[in-house]
PDB file of N, CA and C in Angstrom:
ATOM      1  N   MET A   1     -46.358  25.634 103.986  1.00  0.00           N
ATOM      2  CA  MET A   1     -46.505  24.322 104.599  1.00  0.00           C
ATOM      3  C   MET A   1     -46.789  23.299 103.511  1.00  0.00           C
ATOM      4  N   THR A   2     -46.598  22.044 103.855  1.00  0.00           N
ATOM      5  CA  THR A   2     -46.848  20.983 102.888  1.00  0.00           C
ATOM      6  C   THR A   2     -48.326  20.688 102.794  1.00  0.00           C
ATOM      7  N   GLU A   3     -48.700  20.024 101.702  1.00  0.00           N
ATOM      8  CA  GLU A   3     -50.120  19.773 101.466  1.00  0.00           C
ATOM      9  C   GLU A   3     -50.711  18.737 102.405  1.00  0.00           C
ATOM     10  N   ASP A   4     -49.877  17.854 102.999  1.00  0.00           N
ATOM     11  CA  ASP A   4     -50.455  16.852 103.883  1.00  0.00           C
ATOM     12  C   ASP A   4     -50.670  17.357 105.308  1.00  0.00           C
ATOM     13  N   VAL A   5     -50.425  18.624 105.549  1.00  0.00           N
ATOM     14  CA  VAL A   5     -50.708  19.213 106.856  1.00  0.00           C
ATOM     15  C   VAL A   5     -52.150  19.746 106.820  1.00  0.00           C
ATOM     16  N   PRO A   6     -53.011  19.265 107.727  1.00  0.00           N
ATOM     17  CA  PRO A   6     -54.404  19.734 107.714  1.00  0.00           C
ATOM     18  C   PRO A   6     -54.510  21.243 107.885  1.00  0.00           C
ATOM     19  N   ASN A   7     -55.488  21.840 107.232  1.00  0.00           N
ATOM     20  CA  ASN A   7     -55.804  23.261 107.352  1.00  0.00           C
ATOM     21  C   ASN A   7     -54.636  24.167 106.955  1.00  0.00           C
ATOM     22  N   ASP A   8     -53.757  23.676 106.079  1.00  0.00           N
ATOM     23  CA  ASP A   8     -52.573  24.422 105.640  1.00  0.00           C
ATOM     24  C   ASP A   8     -51.713  24.870 106.813  1.00  0.00           C
ATOM     25  N   GLY A   9     -51.715  24.082 107.895  1.00  0.00           N
ATOM     26  CA  GLY A   9     -50.915  24.394 109.069  1.00  0.00           C
ATOM     27  C   GLY A   9     -51.553  25.387 110.017  1.00  0.00           C
ATOM     28  N   ASP A  10     -52.762  25.821 109.703  1.00  0.00           N
ATOM     29  CA  ASP A  10     -53.448  26.803 110.544  1.00  0.00           C
ATOM     30  C   ASP A  10     -54.358  26.122 111.559  1.00  0.00           C
ATOM     31  N   ILE A  11     -54.804  26.916 112.534  1.00  0.00           N
ATOM     32  CA  ILE A  11     -55.805  26.472 113.500  1.00  0.00           C
ATOM     33  C   ILE A  11     -57.147  27.015 113.019  1.00  0.00           C
ATOM     34  N   LYS A  12     -58.175  26.189 113.068  1.00  0.00           N
ATOM     35  CA  LYS A  12     -59.502  26.598 112.613  1.00  0.00           C
ATOM     36  C   LYS A  12     -60.527  26.396 113.726  1.00  0.00           C
ATOM     37  N   LEU A  13     -61.534  27.255 113.718  1.00  0.00           N
ATOM     38  CA  LEU A  13     -62.677  27.121 114.604  1.00  0.00           C
ATOM     39  C   LEU A  13     -63.860  26.710 113.741  1.00  0.00           C
ATOM     40  N   VAL A  14     -64.432  25.551 114.037  1.00  0.00           N
ATOM     41  CA  VAL A  14     -65.660  25.126 113.377  1.00  0.00           C
ATOM     42  C   VAL A  14     -66.776  25.381 114.381  1.00  0.00           C
ATOM     43  N   MET A  15     -67.717  26.242 113.991  1.00  0.00           N
ATOM     44  CA  MET A  15     -68.806  26.628 114.876  1.00  0.00           C
ATOM     45  C   MET A  15     -70.113  26.259 114.202  1.00  0.00           C
ATOM     46  N   ALA A  16     -71.007  25.658 114.955  1.00  0.00           N
ATOM     47  CA  ALA A  16     -72.294  25.245 114.400  1.00  0.00           C
ATOM     48  C   ALA A  16     -73.415  25.624 115.345  1.00  0.00           C
ATOM     49  N   LEU A  17     -74.552  25.966 114.762  1.00  0.00           N
ATOM     50  CA  LEU A  17     -75.785  26.212 115.509  1.00  0.00           C
ATOM     51  C   LEU A  17     -76.783  25.171 115.016  1.00  0.00           C
ATOM     52  N   VAL A  18     -77.169  24.250 115.904  1.00  0.00           N
ATOM     53  CA  VAL A  18     -78.030  23.141 115.498  1.00  0.00           C
ATOM     54  C   VAL A  18     -79.156  22.931 116.509  1.00  0.00           C
ATOM     55  N   ARG A  19     -80.106  22.073 116.131  1.00  0.00           N
ATOM     56  CA  ARG A  19     -81.210  21.726 117.025  1.00  0.00           C
ATOM     57  C   ARG A  19     -80.674  20.966 118.249  1.00  0.00           C
ATOM     58  N   PRO A  20     -81.209  21.234 119.423  1.00  0.00           N
ATOM     59  CA  PRO A  20     -80.723  20.550 120.632  1.00  0.00           C
ATOM     60  C   PRO A  20     -80.864  19.029 120.561  1.00  0.00           C
ATOM     61  N   ASP A  21     -81.912  18.535 119.904  1.00  0.00           N
ATOM     62  CA  ASP A  21     -82.116  17.090 119.848  1.00  0.00           C
ATOM     63  C   ASP A  21     -81.120  16.383 118.936  1.00  0.00           C
ATOM     64  N   LYS A  22     -80.316  17.128 118.168  1.00  0.00           N
ATOM     65  CA  LYS A  22     -79.303  16.527 117.291  1.00  0.00           C
ATOM     66  C   LYS A  22     -77.914  16.532 117.920  1.00  0.00           C
ATOM     67  N   LEU A  23     -77.799  17.031 119.158  1.00  0.00           N
ATOM     68  CA  LEU A  23     -76.488  17.134 119.803  1.00  0.00           C
ATOM     69  C   LEU A  23     -75.809  15.779 119.956  1.00  0.00           C
ATOM     70  N   ALA A  24     -76.530  14.763 120.386  1.00  0.00           N
ATOM     71  CA  ALA A  24     -75.927  13.433 120.569  1.00  0.00           C
ATOM     72  C   ALA A  24     -75.395  12.895 119.238  1.00  0.00           C
ATOM     73  N   ASP A  25     -76.134  13.096 118.153  1.00  0.00           N
ATOM     74  CA  ASP A  25     -75.682  12.655 116.838  1.00  0.00           C
ATOM     75  C   ASP A  25     -74.420  13.400 116.402  1.00  0.00           C
ATOM     76  N   VAL A  26     -74.373  14.698 116.677  1.00  0.00           N
ATOM     77  CA  VAL A  26     -73.210  15.497 116.309  1.00  0.00           C
ATOM     78  C   VAL A  26     -71.992  15.065 117.122  1.00  0.00           C
ATOM     79  N   LYS A  27     -72.162  14.828 118.421  1.00  0.00           N
ATOM     80  CA  LYS A  27     -71.047  14.370 119.256  1.00  0.00           C
ATOM     81  C   LYS A  27     -70.491  13.051 118.740  1.00  0.00           C
ATOM     82  N   GLN A  28     -71.372  12.133 118.350  1.00  0.00           N
ATOM     83  CA  GLN A  28     -70.944  10.843 117.805  1.00  0.00           C
ATOM     84  C   GLN A  28     -70.180  11.035 116.489  1.00  0.00           C
ATOM     85  N   ALA A  29     -70.681  11.901 115.621  1.00  0.00           N
ATOM     86  CA  ALA A  29     -70.029  12.156 114.334  1.00  0.00           C
ATOM     87  C   ALA A  29     -68.652  12.787 114.531  1.00  0.00           C
ATOM     88  N   LEU A  30     -68.529  13.696 115.497  1.00  0.00           N
ATOM     89  CA  LEU A  30     -67.232  14.314 115.772  1.00  0.00           C
ATOM     90  C   LEU A  30     -66.238  13.289 116.302  1.00  0.00           C
ATOM     91  N   ALA A  31     -66.688  12.391 117.147  1.00  0.00           N
ATOM     92  CA  ALA A  31     -65.802  11.345 117.668  1.00  0.00           C
ATOM     93  C   ALA A  31     -65.326  10.443 116.524  1.00  0.00           C
ATOM     94  N   GLU A  32     -66.200  10.175 115.564  1.00  0.00           N
ATOM     95  CA  GLU A  32     -65.837   9.306 114.436  1.00  0.00           C
ATOM     96  C   GLU A  32     -64.790   9.932 113.517  1.00  0.00           C
ATOM     97  N   VAL A  33     -64.771  11.277 113.400  1.00  0.00           N
ATOM     98  CA  VAL A  33     -63.757  11.920 112.558  1.00  0.00           C
ATOM     99  C   VAL A  33     -62.512  12.297 113.367  1.00  0.00           C
ATOM    100  N   GLY A  34     -62.501  11.949 114.652  1.00  0.00           N
ATOM    101  CA  GLY A  34     -61.324  12.186 115.475  1.00  0.00           C
ATOM    102  C   GLY A  34     -61.267  13.558 116.109  1.00  0.00           C
ATOM    103  N   ALA A  35     -62.419  14.206 116.261  1.00  0.00           N
ATOM    104  CA  ALA A  35     -62.478  15.537 116.884  1.00  0.00           C
ATOM    105  C   ALA A  35     -63.420  15.505 118.081  1.00  0.00           C
ATOM    106  N   PRO A  36     -63.033  14.823 119.156  1.00  0.00           N
ATOM    107  CA  PRO A  36     -63.944  14.683 120.291  1.00  0.00           C
ATOM    108  C   PRO A  36     -64.044  15.922 121.179  1.00  0.00           C
ATOM    109  N   SER A  37     -63.110  16.869 121.062  1.00  0.00           N
ATOM    110  CA  SER A  37     -63.128  18.057 121.922  1.00  0.00           C
ATOM    111  C   SER A  37     -64.095  19.092 121.366  1.00  0.00           C
ATOM    112  N   LEU A  38     -65.000  19.558 122.222  1.00  0.00           N
ATOM    113  CA  LEU A  38     -65.955  20.556 121.785  1.00  0.00           C
ATOM    114  C   LEU A  38     -66.461  21.347 122.974  1.00  0.00           C
ATOM    115  N   THR A  39     -67.030  22.496 122.678  1.00  0.00           N
ATOM    116  CA  THR A  39     -67.704  23.317 123.667  1.00  0.00           C
ATOM    117  C   THR A  39     -69.135  23.491 123.198  1.00  0.00           C
ATOM    118  N   VAL A  40     -70.089  23.324 124.110  1.00  0.00           N
ATOM    119  CA  VAL A  40     -71.502  23.426 123.762  1.00  0.00           C
ATOM    120  C   VAL A  40     -72.144  24.500 124.633  1.00  0.00           C
ATOM    121  N   THR A  41     -72.916  25.389 123.994  1.00  0.00           N
ATOM    122  CA  THR A  41     -73.622  26.454 124.687  1.00  0.00           C
ATOM    123  C   THR A  41     -75.081  26.438 124.251  1.00  0.00           C
ATOM    124  N   ASN A  42     -75.999  26.599 125.174  1.00  0.00           N
ATOM    125  CA  ASN A  42     -77.415  26.725 124.830  1.00  0.00           C
ATOM    126  C   ASN A  42     -77.680  28.169 124.420  1.00  0.00           C
ATOM    127  N   VAL A  43     -78.270  28.349 123.238  1.00  0.00           N
ATOM    128  CA  VAL A  43     -78.548  29.683 122.721  1.00  0.00           C
ATOM    129  C   VAL A  43     -79.968  29.725 122.151  1.00  0.00           C
ATOM    130  N   SER A  44     -80.448  30.921 121.869  1.00  0.00           N
ATOM    131  CA  SER A  44     -81.728  31.118 121.188  1.00  0.00           C
ATOM    132  C   SER A  44     -81.455  31.930 119.943  1.00  0.00           C
ATOM    133  N   GLY A  45     -82.228  31.663 118.892  1.00  0.00           N
ATOM    134  CA  GLY A  45     -82.005  32.411 117.664  1.00  0.00           C
ATOM    135  C   GLY A  45     -83.196  32.360 116.736  1.00  0.00           C
ATOM    136  N   ARG A  46     -83.080  33.139 115.677  1.00  0.00           N
ATOM    137  CA  ARG A  46     -84.144  33.211 114.695  1.00  0.00           C
ATOM    138  C   ARG A  46     -83.503  33.195 113.321  1.00  0.00           C
ATOM    139  N   GLY A  47     -84.059  32.405 112.422  1.00  0.00           N
ATOM    140  CA  GLY A  47     -83.575  32.325 111.054  1.00  0.00           C
ATOM    141  C   GLY A  47     -84.734  32.006 110.134  1.00  0.00           C
ATOM    142  N   SER A  48     -84.554  31.007 109.286  1.00  0.00           N
ATOM    143  CA  SER A  48     -85.600  30.662 108.325  1.00  0.00           C
ATOM    144  C   SER A  48     -86.701  29.803 108.938  1.00  0.00           C
ATOM    145  N   GLN A  49     -86.468  29.286 110.137  1.00  0.00           N
ATOM    146  CA  GLN A  49     -87.474  28.457 110.802  1.00  0.00           C
ATOM    147  C   GLN A  49     -88.687  29.320 111.167  1.00  0.00           C
ATOM    148  N   PRO A  50     -89.896  28.882 110.807  1.00  0.00           N
ATOM    149  CA  PRO A  50     -91.074  29.716 111.078  1.00  0.00           C
ATOM    150  C   PRO A  50     -91.363  29.840 112.579  1.00  0.00           C
ATOM    151  N   ALA A  51     -92.009  30.948 112.935  1.00  0.00           N
ATOM    152  CA  ALA A  51     -92.402  31.169 114.322  1.00  0.00           C
ATOM    153  C   ALA A  51     -93.503  30.189 114.701  1.00  0.00           C
ATOM    154  N   LYS A  52     -93.555  29.833 115.985  1.00  0.00           N
ATOM    155  CA  LYS A  52     -94.590  28.928 116.478  1.00  0.00           C
ATOM    156  C   LYS A  52     -95.545  29.714 117.356  1.00  0.00           C
ATOM    157  N   LYS A  53     -96.808  29.401 117.230  1.00  0.00           N
ATOM    158  CA  LYS A  53     -97.822  30.040 118.071  1.00  0.00           C
ATOM    159  C   LYS A  53     -98.212  29.068 119.171  1.00  0.00           C
ATOM    160  N   GLY A  54     -98.446  29.601 120.347  1.00  0.00           N
ATOM    161  CA  GLY A  54     -98.847  28.782 121.479  1.00  0.00           C
ATOM    162  C   GLY A  54     -99.894  29.496 122.295  1.00  0.00           C
ATOM    163  N   GLN A  55    -100.407  28.801 123.285  1.00  0.00           N
ATOM    164  CA  GLN A  55    -101.402  29.398 124.159  1.00  0.00           C
ATOM    165  C   GLN A  55    -101.062  28.997 125.593  1.00  0.00           C
ATOM    166  N   TRP A  56    -101.112  29.972 126.486  1.00  0.00           N
ATOM    167  CA  TRP A  56    -100.845  29.721 127.894  1.00  0.00           C
ATOM    168  C   TRP A  56    -101.821  30.543 128.715  1.00  0.00           C
ATOM    169  N   ARG A  57    -102.583  29.875 129.569  1.00  0.00           N
ATOM    170  CA  ARG A  57    -103.597  30.521 130.411  1.00  0.00           C
ATOM    171  C   ARG A  57    -104.553  31.399 129.601  1.00  0.00           C
ATOM    172  N   GLY A  58    -104.938  30.884 128.456  1.00  0.00           N
ATOM    173  CA  GLY A  58    -105.898  31.590 127.628  1.00  0.00           C
ATOM    174  C   GLY A  58    -105.318  32.694 126.764  1.00  0.00           C
ATOM    175  N   GLU A  59    -104.053  32.986 126.923  1.00  0.00           N
ATOM    176  CA  GLU A  59    -103.399  34.030 126.125  1.00  0.00           C
ATOM    177  C   GLU A  59    -102.576  33.384 125.026  1.00  0.00           C
ATOM    178  N   GLU A  60    -102.684  33.936 123.813  1.00  0.00           N
ATOM    179  CA  GLU A  60    -101.897  33.433 122.695  1.00  0.00           C
ATOM    180  C   GLU A  60    -100.547  34.141 122.675  1.00  0.00           C
ATOM    181  N   TYR A  61     -99.498  33.420 122.345  1.00  0.00           N
ATOM    182  CA  TYR A  61     -98.175  34.019 122.249  1.00  0.00           C
ATOM    183  C   TYR A  61     -97.446  33.423 121.053  1.00  0.00           C
ATOM    184  N   THR A  62     -96.416  34.115 120.603  1.00  0.00           N
ATOM    185  CA  THR A  62     -95.614  33.674 119.465  1.00  0.00           C
ATOM    186  C   THR A  62     -94.179  33.448 119.923  1.00  0.00           C
ATOM    187  N   VAL A  63     -93.632  32.311 119.561  1.00  0.00           N
ATOM    188  CA  VAL A  63     -92.235  32.003 119.849  1.00  0.00           C
ATOM    189  C   VAL A  63     -91.471  32.161 118.542  1.00  0.00           C
ATOM    190  N   ASP A  64     -90.674  33.230 118.432  1.00  0.00           N
ATOM    191  CA  ASP A  64     -89.889  33.420 117.220  1.00  0.00           C
ATOM    192  C   ASP A  64     -88.391  33.262 117.467  1.00  0.00           C
ATOM    193  N   LEU A  65     -88.004  33.080 118.723  1.00  0.00           N
ATOM    194  CA  LEU A  65     -86.619  32.733 119.054  1.00  0.00           C
ATOM    195  C   LEU A  65     -86.603  31.261 119.457  1.00  0.00           C
ATOM    196  N   HIS A  66     -85.971  30.444 118.650  1.00  0.00           N
ATOM    197  CA  HIS A  66     -85.968  29.004 118.866  1.00  0.00           C
ATOM    198  C   HIS A  66     -84.709  28.567 119.609  1.00  0.00           C
ATOM    199  N   GLN A  67     -84.854  27.552 120.441  1.00  0.00           N
ATOM    200  CA  GLN A  67     -83.728  27.018 121.200  1.00  0.00           C
ATOM    201  C   GLN A  67     -82.784  26.279 120.252  1.00  0.00           C
ATOM    202  N   LYS A  68     -81.505  26.557 120.359  1.00  0.00           N
ATOM    203  CA  LYS A  68     -80.464  25.898 119.569  1.00  0.00           C
ATOM    204  C   LYS A  68     -79.301  25.586 120.498  1.00  0.00           C
ATOM    205  N   VAL A  69     -78.368  24.782 120.018  1.00  0.00           N
ATOM    206  CA  VAL A  69     -77.098  24.609 120.711  1.00  0.00           C
ATOM    207  C   VAL A  69     -76.002  25.110 119.780  1.00  0.00           C
ATOM    208  N   LYS A  70     -75.057  25.816 120.371  1.00  0.00           N
ATOM    209  CA  LYS A  70     -73.899  26.310 119.637  1.00  0.00           C
ATOM    210  C   LYS A  70     -72.740  25.389 119.972  1.00  0.00           C
ATOM    211  N   ILE A  71     -72.176  24.794 118.954  1.00  0.00           N
ATOM    212  CA  ILE A  71     -71.063  23.855 119.116  1.00  0.00           C
ATOM    213  C   ILE A  71     -69.809  24.504 118.546  1.00  0.00           C
ATOM    214  N   GLU A  72     -68.757  24.535 119.346  1.00  0.00           N
ATOM    215  CA  GLU A  72     -67.483  25.087 118.891  1.00  0.00           C
ATOM    216  C   GLU A  72     -66.420  24.005 119.007  1.00  0.00           C
ATOM    217  N   CYS A  73     -65.667  23.841 117.945  1.00  0.00           N
ATOM    218  CA  CYS A  73     -64.635  22.819 117.899  1.00  0.00           C
ATOM    219  C   CYS A  73     -63.384  23.438 117.268  1.00  0.00           C
ATOM    220  N   ILE A  74     -62.290  23.473 118.014  1.00  0.00           N
ATOM    221  CA  ILE A  74     -61.020  24.005 117.518  1.00  0.00           C
ATOM    222  C   ILE A  74     -60.211  22.837 116.973  1.00  0.00           C
ATOM    223  N   VAL A  75     -59.736  22.963 115.730  1.00  0.00           N
ATOM    224  CA  VAL A  75     -58.984  21.877 115.109  1.00  0.00           C
ATOM    225  C   VAL A  75     -57.681  22.390 114.514  1.00  0.00           C
ATOM    226  N   ALA A  76     -56.646  21.582 114.630  1.00  0.00           N
ATOM    227  CA  ALA A  76     -55.359  21.879 114.004  1.00  0.00           C
ATOM    228  C   ALA A  76     -54.862  20.653 113.238  1.00  0.00           C
ATOM    229  N   ASP A  77     -55.018  19.463 113.826  1.00  0.00           N
ATOM    230  CA  ASP A  77     -54.498  18.238 113.216  1.00  0.00           C
ATOM    231  C   ASP A  77     -55.545  17.470 112.417  1.00  0.00           C
ATOM    232  N   ILE A  78     -56.762  17.978 112.366  1.00  0.00           N
ATOM    233  CA  ILE A  78     -57.865  17.347 111.643  1.00  0.00           C
ATOM    234  C   ILE A  78     -58.372  18.367 110.638  1.00  0.00           C
ATOM    235  N   PRO A  79     -58.632  17.972 109.391  1.00  0.00           N
ATOM    236  CA  PRO A  79     -59.149  18.943 108.422  1.00  0.00           C
ATOM    237  C   PRO A  79     -60.481  19.546 108.869  1.00  0.00           C
ATOM    238  N   ALA A  80     -60.554  20.869 108.891  1.00  0.00           N
ATOM    239  CA  ALA A  80     -61.770  21.570 109.311  1.00  0.00           C
ATOM    240  C   ALA A  80     -62.943  21.215 108.402  1.00  0.00           C
ATOM    241  N   GLU A  81     -62.668  20.948 107.119  1.00  0.00           N
ATOM    242  CA  GLU A  81     -63.735  20.579 106.187  1.00  0.00           C
ATOM    243  C   GLU A  81     -64.392  19.267 106.602  1.00  0.00           C
ATOM    244  N   ASP A  82     -63.593  18.313 107.095  1.00  0.00           N
ATOM    245  CA  ASP A  82     -64.135  17.028 107.551  1.00  0.00           C
ATOM    246  C   ASP A  82     -65.021  17.223 108.778  1.00  0.00           C
ATOM    247  N   VAL A  83     -64.594  18.087 109.677  1.00  0.00           N
ATOM    248  CA  VAL A  83     -65.361  18.355 110.894  1.00  0.00           C
ATOM    249  C   VAL A  83     -66.680  19.033 110.540  1.00  0.00           C
ATOM    250  N   ALA A  84     -66.623  20.040 109.661  1.00  0.00           N
ATOM    251  CA  ALA A  84     -67.832  20.754 109.253  1.00  0.00           C
ATOM    252  C   ALA A  84     -68.802  19.810 108.542  1.00  0.00           C
ATOM    253  N   ALA A  85     -68.279  18.951 107.672  1.00  0.00           N
ATOM    254  CA  ALA A  85     -69.135  18.002 106.945  1.00  0.00           C
ATOM    255  C   ALA A  85     -69.779  17.008 107.905  1.00  0.00           C
ATOM    256  N   ALA A  86     -69.028  16.548 108.896  1.00  0.00           N
ATOM    257  CA  ALA A  86     -69.567  15.592 109.871  1.00  0.00           C
ATOM    258  C   ALA A  86     -70.698  16.227 110.674  1.00  0.00           C
ATOM    259  N   ILE A  87     -70.524  17.476 111.087  1.00  0.00           N
ATOM    260  CA  ILE A  87     -71.565  18.172 111.847  1.00  0.00           C
ATOM    261  C   ILE A  87     -72.803  18.358 110.977  1.00  0.00           C
ATOM    262  N   ALA A  88     -72.604  18.828 109.749  1.00  0.00           N
ATOM    263  CA  ALA A  88     -73.741  19.091 108.860  1.00  0.00           C
ATOM    264  C   ALA A  88     -74.530  17.820 108.580  1.00  0.00           C
ATOM    265  N   GLU A  89     -73.837  16.726 108.345  1.00  0.00           N
ATOM    266  CA  GLU A  89     -74.525  15.457 108.053  1.00  0.00           C
ATOM    267  C   GLU A  89     -75.286  14.949 109.279  1.00  0.00           C
ATOM    268  N   ALA A  90     -74.664  15.038 110.444  1.00  0.00           N
ATOM    269  CA  ALA A  90     -75.295  14.524 111.665  1.00  0.00           C
ATOM    270  C   ALA A  90     -76.480  15.383 112.105  1.00  0.00           C
ATOM    271  N   ALA A  91     -76.446  16.678 111.809  1.00  0.00           N
ATOM    272  CA  ALA A  91     -77.495  17.592 112.274  1.00  0.00           C
ATOM    273  C   ALA A  91     -78.664  17.709 111.296  1.00  0.00           C
ATOM    274  N   ARG A  92     -78.507  17.178 110.093  1.00  0.00           N
ATOM    275  CA  ARG A  92     -79.521  17.379 109.047  1.00  0.00           C
ATOM    276  C   ARG A  92     -80.796  16.579 109.311  1.00  0.00           C
ATOM    277  N   THR A  93     -81.941  17.279 109.264  1.00  0.00           N
ATOM    278  CA  THR A  93     -83.245  16.619 109.304  1.00  0.00           C
ATOM    279  C   THR A  93     -84.004  16.870 108.013  1.00  0.00           C
ATOM    280  N   GLY A  94     -83.593  17.887 107.255  1.00  0.00           N
ATOM    281  CA  GLY A  94     -84.279  18.238 106.024  1.00  0.00           C
ATOM    282  C   GLY A  94     -85.372  19.272 106.216  1.00  0.00           C
ATOM    283  N   GLU A  95     -85.570  19.703 107.449  1.00  0.00           N
ATOM    284  CA  GLU A  95     -86.604  20.691 107.768  1.00  0.00           C
ATOM    285  C   GLU A  95     -85.970  22.063 107.984  1.00  0.00           C
ATOM    286  N   PRO A  96     -86.750  23.159 107.803  1.00  0.00           N
ATOM    287  CA  PRO A  96     -86.211  24.483 108.138  1.00  0.00           C
ATOM    288  C   PRO A  96     -85.800  24.530 109.610  1.00  0.00           C
ATOM    289  N   GLY A  97     -84.688  25.200 109.890  1.00  0.00           N
ATOM    290  CA  GLY A  97     -84.218  25.320 111.262  1.00  0.00           C
ATOM    291  C   GLY A  97     -83.167  24.301 111.641  1.00  0.00           C
ATOM    292  N   ASP A  98     -82.627  23.568 110.651  1.00  0.00           N
ATOM    293  CA  ASP A  98     -81.572  22.595 110.946  1.00  0.00           C
ATOM    294  C   ASP A  98     -80.308  23.262 111.469  1.00  0.00           C
ATOM    295  N   GLY A  99     -80.044  24.495 111.056  1.00  0.00           N
ATOM    296  CA  GLY A  99     -78.903  25.227 111.584  1.00  0.00           C
ATOM    297  C   GLY A  99     -77.894  25.603 110.532  1.00  0.00           C
ATOM    298  N   LYS A 100     -76.729  26.024 110.983  1.00  0.00           N
ATOM    299  CA  LYS A 100     -75.647  26.477 110.112  1.00  0.00           C
ATOM    300  C   LYS A 100     -74.321  25.989 110.689  1.00  0.00           C
ATOM    301  N   VAL A 101     -73.316  25.863 109.809  1.00  0.00           N
ATOM    302  CA  VAL A 101     -71.961  25.507 110.222  1.00  0.00           C
ATOM    303  C   VAL A 101     -71.017  26.544 109.611  1.00  0.00           C
ATOM    304  N   PHE A 102     -70.128  27.092 110.428  1.00  0.00           N
ATOM    305  CA  PHE A 102     -69.171  28.095 109.986  1.00  0.00           C
ATOM    306  C   PHE A 102     -67.760  27.600 110.282  1.00  0.00           C
ATOM    307  N   THR A 103     -66.810  27.953 109.426  1.00  0.00           N
ATOM    308  CA  THR A 103     -65.408  27.661 109.669  1.00  0.00           C
ATOM    309  C   THR A 103     -64.656  28.986 109.658  1.00  0.00           C
ATOM    310  N   LEU A 104     -63.928  29.246 110.741  1.00  0.00           N
ATOM    311  CA  LEU A 104     -63.229  30.517 110.905  1.00  0.00           C
ATOM    312  C   LEU A 104     -61.758  30.284 111.222  1.00  0.00           C
ATOM    313  N   PRO A 105     -60.876  31.182 110.791  1.00  0.00           N
ATOM    314  CA  PRO A 105     -59.470  31.069 111.185  1.00  0.00           C
ATOM    315  C   PRO A 105     -59.285  31.501 112.638  1.00  0.00           C
ATOM    316  N   VAL A 106     -58.315  30.903 113.299  1.00  0.00           N
ATOM    317  CA  VAL A 106     -57.969  31.279 114.670  1.00  0.00           C
ATOM    318  C   VAL A 106     -56.593  31.934 114.615  1.00  0.00           C
ATOM    319  N   GLU A 107     -56.509  33.177 115.057  1.00  0.00           N
ATOM    320  CA  GLU A 107     -55.249  33.914 114.987  1.00  0.00           C
ATOM    321  C   GLU A 107     -54.199  33.369 115.932  1.00  0.00           C
ATOM    322  N   SER A 108     -54.606  33.059 117.163  1.00  0.00           N
ATOM    323  CA  SER A 108     -53.642  32.540 118.124  1.00  0.00           C
ATOM    324  C   SER A 108     -54.368  31.694 119.159  1.00  0.00           C
ATOM    325  N   ALA A 109     -53.584  30.874 119.842  1.00  0.00           N
ATOM    326  CA  ALA A 109     -54.121  30.037 120.909  1.00  0.00           C
ATOM    327  C   ALA A 109     -53.060  29.909 121.993  1.00  0.00           C
ATOM    328  N   VAL A 110     -53.501  29.942 123.245  1.00  0.00           N
ATOM    329  CA  VAL A 110     -52.602  29.769 124.385  1.00  0.00           C
ATOM    330  C   VAL A 110     -53.247  28.777 125.330  1.00  0.00           C
ATOM    331  N   GLN A 111     -52.511  27.737 125.696  1.00  0.00           N
ATOM    332  CA  GLN A 111     -53.008  26.797 126.698  1.00  0.00           C
ATOM    333  C   GLN A 111     -52.678  27.382 128.065  1.00  0.00           C
ATOM    334  N   VAL A 112     -53.682  27.647 128.861  1.00  0.00           N
ATOM    335  CA  VAL A 112     -53.515  28.362 130.118  1.00  0.00           C
ATOM    336  C   VAL A 112     -52.597  27.600 131.073  1.00  0.00           C
ATOM    337  N   ARG A 113     -52.804  26.307 131.235  1.00  0.00           N
ATOM    338  CA  ARG A 113     -52.048  25.528 132.211  1.00  0.00           C
ATOM    339  C   ARG A 113     -50.559  25.482 131.893  1.00  0.00           C
ATOM    340  N   THR A 114     -50.199  25.242 130.601  1.00  0.00           N
ATOM    341  CA  THR A 114     -48.790  25.032 130.256  1.00  0.00           C
ATOM    342  C   THR A 114     -48.116  26.234 129.636  1.00  0.00           C
ATOM    343  N   GLY A 115     -48.924  27.169 129.108  1.00  0.00           N
ATOM    344  CA  GLY A 115     -48.338  28.308 128.421  1.00  0.00           C
ATOM    345  C   GLY A 115     -47.982  28.027 126.976  1.00  0.00           C
ATOM    346  N   LYS A 116     -48.291  26.814 126.483  1.00  0.00           N
ATOM    347  CA  LYS A 116     -48.021  26.482 125.078  1.00  0.00           C
ATOM    348  C   LYS A 116     -48.840  27.400 124.189  1.00  0.00           C
ATOM    349  N   THR A 117     -48.294  27.694 123.000  1.00  0.00           N
ATOM    350  CA  THR A 117     -48.990  28.580 122.077  1.00  0.00           C
ATOM    351  C   THR A 117     -49.132  27.917 120.700  1.00  0.00           C
ATOM    352  N   GLY A 118     -49.986  28.524 119.884  1.00  0.00           N
ATOM    353  CA  GLY A 118     -50.175  28.051 118.515  1.00  0.00           C
ATOM    354  C   GLY A 118     -50.765  26.643 118.453  1.00  0.00           C
ATOM    355  N   ARG A 119     -50.321  25.875 117.448  1.00  0.00           N
ATOM    356  CA  ARG A 119     -50.815  24.503 117.247  1.00  0.00           C
ATOM    357  C   ARG A 119     -50.532  23.618 118.463  1.00  0.00           C
ATOM    358  N   ASP A 120     -49.444  23.887 119.188  1.00  0.00           N
ATOM    359  CA  ASP A 120     -49.121  23.085 120.380  1.00  0.00           C
ATOM    360  C   ASP A 120     -50.162  23.266 121.490  1.00  0.00           C
ATOM    361  N   ALA A 121     -50.835  24.409 121.489  1.00  0.00           N
ATOM    362  CA  ALA A 121     -51.847  24.665 122.513  1.00  0.00           C
ATOM    363  C   ALA A 121     -53.133  23.906 122.246  1.00  0.00           C
ATOM    364  N   VAL A 122     -53.347  23.546 120.994  1.00  0.00           N
ATOM    365  CA  VAL A 122     -54.583  22.841 120.626  1.00  0.00           C
ATOM    366  C   VAL A 122     -54.377  21.361 120.878  1.00  0.00           C
TER     367      VAL A 122
END
């Protein structure tokens, strides 16, 4: 493929795990780079963010699984690097637990309604 085709003509999945309070910022950043389509899932996870201790009804407990949102964005006509950079910049607070951004290849895609495949399905 030619060099001016984003992602070398491939379909990419940009997946991010970020703080829930940064979702609005990430959505705005994705719209600005021209990637408004996304899927968001509420998830829990553990990484470098320290565990939090709490107390409920006199009992102490530890929260080591923190609430995050998983954002998935499939791109074909937009460079995946631009999408990943936009998410990382919008989600950054500088504190542990800001999250991670991954870029993965997509082997195939099928649009259920029309039956289109590949880049046409995206």
